[in-house]
């Protein structure tokens, strides 16, 4: 593994370390306040682009499968946060309808 690949893997792991905490915060908060749907969608798009770049370069995929795994894990975690965003959006609407 080259230095650039190691640094990219470290970057992906660092980003990924924050997502489980963010998902738990969304789960417990039960609101979309303080969340940005656009931000979550842009992050997902970025992870899709990162994954696609590895698949488009056969050599990179063969050499960087560990990086791809972390891209996929991060993508799944942001996806979970997106699901919670929509759950919390519905909860916000229900609370507003009840006058809370």
C-alpha atoms as a PDB file:
ATOM      1  CA  UNK A   1       0.000   0.000   0.000  1.00  0.00           C
ATOM      2  CA  UNK A   2       1.433   3.371  -1.049  1.00  0.00           C
ATOM      3  CA  UNK A   3       1.610   6.387   1.254  1.00  0.00           C
ATOM      4  CA  UNK A   4      -1.225   8.122  -0.636  1.00  0.00           C
ATOM      5  CA  UNK A   5      -3.450   5.072  -0.190  1.00  0.00           C
ATOM      6  CA  UNK A   6      -2.625   4.887   3.510  1.00  0.00           C
ATOM      7  CA  UNK A   7      -3.460   8.568   3.952  1.00  0.00           C
ATOM      8  CA  UNK A   8      -6.740   8.173   2.058  1.00  0.00           C
ATOM      9  CA  UNK A   9      -7.672   5.208   4.255  1.00  0.00           C
ATOM     10  CA  UNK A  10      -6.857   7.233   7.380  1.00  0.00           C
ATOM     11  CA  UNK A  11      -9.032  10.083   6.092  1.00  0.00           C
ATOM     12  CA  UNK A  12     -11.964   7.740   5.409  1.00  0.00           C
ATOM     13  CA  UNK A  13     -11.602   6.079   8.822  1.00  0.00           C
ATOM     14  CA  UNK A  14     -11.450   9.488  10.515  1.00  0.00           C
ATOM     15  CA  UNK A  15     -14.611  10.650   8.764  1.00  0.00           C
ATOM     16  CA  UNK A  16     -16.268   7.332   9.504  1.00  0.00           C
ATOM     17  CA  UNK A  17     -15.500   7.497  13.212  1.00  0.00           C
ATOM     18  CA  UNK A  18     -17.931  10.393  13.609  1.00  0.00           C
ATOM     19  CA  UNK A  19     -20.898   8.818  11.836  1.00  0.00           C
ATOM     20  CA  UNK A  20     -21.958   6.288  14.508  1.00  0.00           C
ATOM     21  CA  UNK A  21     -22.151   9.096  17.087  1.00  0.00           C
ATOM     22  CA  UNK A  22     -24.096  11.241  14.650  1.00  0.00           C
ATOM     23  CA  UNK A  23     -26.557   8.428  13.961  1.00  0.00           C
ATOM     24  CA  UNK A  24     -27.086   7.875  17.700  1.00  0.00           C
ATOM     25  CA  UNK A  25     -27.653  11.600  18.183  1.00  0.00           C
ATOM     26  CA  UNK A  26     -30.293  11.552  15.437  1.00  0.00           C
ATOM     27  CA  UNK A  27     -31.931   8.500  17.005  1.00  0.00           C
ATOM     28  CA  UNK A  28     -32.129  10.077  20.453  1.00  0.00           C
ATOM     29  CA  UNK A  29     -33.000  13.631  19.356  1.00  0.00           C
ATOM     30  CA  UNK A  30     -36.113  12.572  17.421  1.00  0.00           C
ATOM     31  CA  UNK A  31     -36.026  15.863  15.496  1.00  0.00           C
ATOM     32  CA  UNK A  32     -34.484  17.274  12.333  1.00  0.00           C
ATOM     33  CA  UNK A  33     -33.504  20.507  14.086  1.00  0.00           C
ATOM     34  CA  UNK A  34     -29.824  21.121  13.495  1.00  0.00           C
ATOM     35  CA  UNK A  35     -29.660  18.653  10.575  1.00  0.00           C
ATOM     36  CA  UNK A  36     -29.190  19.459   6.909  1.00  0.00           C
ATOM     37  CA  UNK A  37     -30.706  17.137   4.327  1.00  0.00           C
ATOM     38  CA  UNK A  38     -28.597  18.762   1.607  1.00  0.00           C
ATOM     39  CA  UNK A  39     -25.414  18.121   3.607  1.00  0.00           C
ATOM     40  CA  UNK A  40     -26.263  14.437   4.122  1.00  0.00           C
ATOM     41  CA  UNK A  41     -27.103  13.995   0.429  1.00  0.00           C
ATOM     42  CA  UNK A  42     -23.862  15.676  -0.666  1.00  0.00           C
ATOM     43  CA  UNK A  43     -21.846  13.422   1.643  1.00  0.00           C
ATOM     44  CA  UNK A  44     -23.601  10.346   0.219  1.00  0.00           C
ATOM     45  CA  UNK A  45     -22.864  11.567  -3.303  1.00  0.00           C
ATOM     46  CA  UNK A  46     -19.201  12.029  -2.371  1.00  0.00           C
ATOM     47  CA  UNK A  47     -18.965   8.483  -1.029  1.00  0.00           C
ATOM     48  CA  UNK A  48     -20.610   7.140  -4.193  1.00  0.00           C
ATOM     49  CA  UNK A  49     -18.019   9.012  -6.267  1.00  0.00           C
ATOM     50  CA  UNK A  50     -15.182   7.625  -4.119  1.00  0.00           C
ATOM     51  CA  UNK A  51     -16.460   4.068  -4.445  1.00  0.00           C
ATOM     52  CA  UNK A  52     -17.028   4.444  -8.186  1.00  0.00           C
ATOM     53  CA  UNK A  53     -13.504   5.794  -8.677  1.00  0.00           C
ATOM     54  CA  UNK A  54     -12.085   2.602  -7.179  1.00  0.00           C
ATOM     55  CA  UNK A  55     -14.240   0.340  -9.361  1.00  0.00           C
ATOM     56  CA  UNK A  56     -13.358   2.269 -12.520  1.00  0.00           C
ATOM     57  CA  UNK A  57      -9.671   1.608 -11.927  1.00  0.00           C
ATOM     58  CA  UNK A  58      -9.179  -2.171 -11.695  1.00  0.00           C
ATOM     59  CA  UNK A  59      -5.650  -1.816 -10.321  1.00  0.00           C
ATOM     60  CA  UNK A  60      -6.790   0.624  -7.638  1.00  0.00           C
ATOM     61  CA  UNK A  61      -9.626  -1.683  -6.603  1.00  0.00           C
ATOM     62  CA  UNK A  62      -7.288  -4.639  -6.327  1.00  0.00           C
ATOM     63  CA  UNK A  63      -4.769  -2.635  -4.296  1.00  0.00           C
ATOM     64  CA  UNK A  64      -7.213  -0.583  -2.234  1.00  0.00           C
ATOM     65  CA  UNK A  65      -9.980  -2.976  -1.250  1.00  0.00           C
ATOM     66  CA  UNK A  66      -9.593  -1.923   2.403  1.00  0.00           C
ATOM     67  CA  UNK A  67     -10.275   1.707   1.472  1.00  0.00           C
ATOM     68  CA  UNK A  68     -13.362   0.604  -0.491  1.00  0.00           C
ATOM     69  CA  UNK A  69     -14.675  -1.230   2.567  1.00  0.00           C
ATOM     70  CA  UNK A  70     -14.417   1.949   4.649  1.00  0.00           C
ATOM     71  CA  UNK A  71     -16.082   3.999   1.896  1.00  0.00           C
ATOM     72  CA  UNK A  72     -18.961   1.504   1.916  1.00  0.00           C
ATOM     73  CA  UNK A  73     -19.219   1.509   5.730  1.00  0.00           C
ATOM     74  CA  UNK A  74     -19.359   5.305   5.746  1.00  0.00           C
ATOM     75  CA  UNK A  75     -21.955   5.275   2.980  1.00  0.00           C
ATOM     76  CA  UNK A  76     -24.124   2.893   5.016  1.00  0.00           C
ATOM     77  CA  UNK A  77     -23.800   5.031   8.158  1.00  0.00           C
ATOM     78  CA  UNK A  78     -24.798   8.212   6.323  1.00  0.00           C
ATOM     79  CA  UNK A  79     -27.658   6.246   4.761  1.00  0.00           C
ATOM     80  CA  UNK A  80     -28.825   5.281   8.246  1.00  0.00           C
ATOM     81  CA  UNK A  81     -28.683   8.946   9.240  1.00  0.00           C
ATOM     82  CA  UNK A  82     -30.772   9.811   6.165  1.00  0.00           C
ATOM     83  CA  UNK A  83     -33.397   7.230   7.161  1.00  0.00           C
ATOM     84  CA  UNK A  84     -33.484   8.749  10.647  1.00  0.00           C
ATOM     85  CA  UNK A  85     -33.764  12.221   9.134  1.00  0.00           C
ATOM     86  CA  UNK A  86     -37.004  11.203   7.406  1.00  0.00           C
ATOM     87  CA  UNK A  87     -38.279   9.472  10.552  1.00  0.00           C
ATOM     88  CA  UNK A  88     -37.539  12.583  12.579  1.00  0.00           C
ATOM     89  CA  UNK A  89     -39.132  14.799   9.923  1.00  0.00           C
ATOM     90  CA  UNK A  90     -42.366  12.836  10.308  1.00  0.00           C
ATOM     91  CA  UNK A  91     -42.099  13.130  14.097  1.00  0.00           C
ATOM     92  CA  UNK A  92     -41.578  16.910  13.777  1.00  0.00           C
ATOM     93  CA  UNK A  93     -44.677  17.200  11.566  1.00  0.00           C
ATOM     94  CA  UNK A  94     -46.749  15.120  14.001  1.00  0.00           C
ATOM     95  CA  UNK A  95     -45.602  17.266  16.938  1.00  0.00           C
ATOM     96  CA  UNK A  96     -46.422  20.455  15.018  1.00  0.00           C
ATOM     97  CA  UNK A  97     -49.907  19.115  14.193  1.00  0.00           C
ATOM     98  CA  UNK A  98     -50.477  18.464  17.894  1.00  0.00           C
ATOM     99  CA  UNK A  99     -49.336  21.998  18.698  1.00  0.00           C
ATOM    100  CA  UNK A 100     -46.153  21.054  20.534  1.00  0.00           C
END
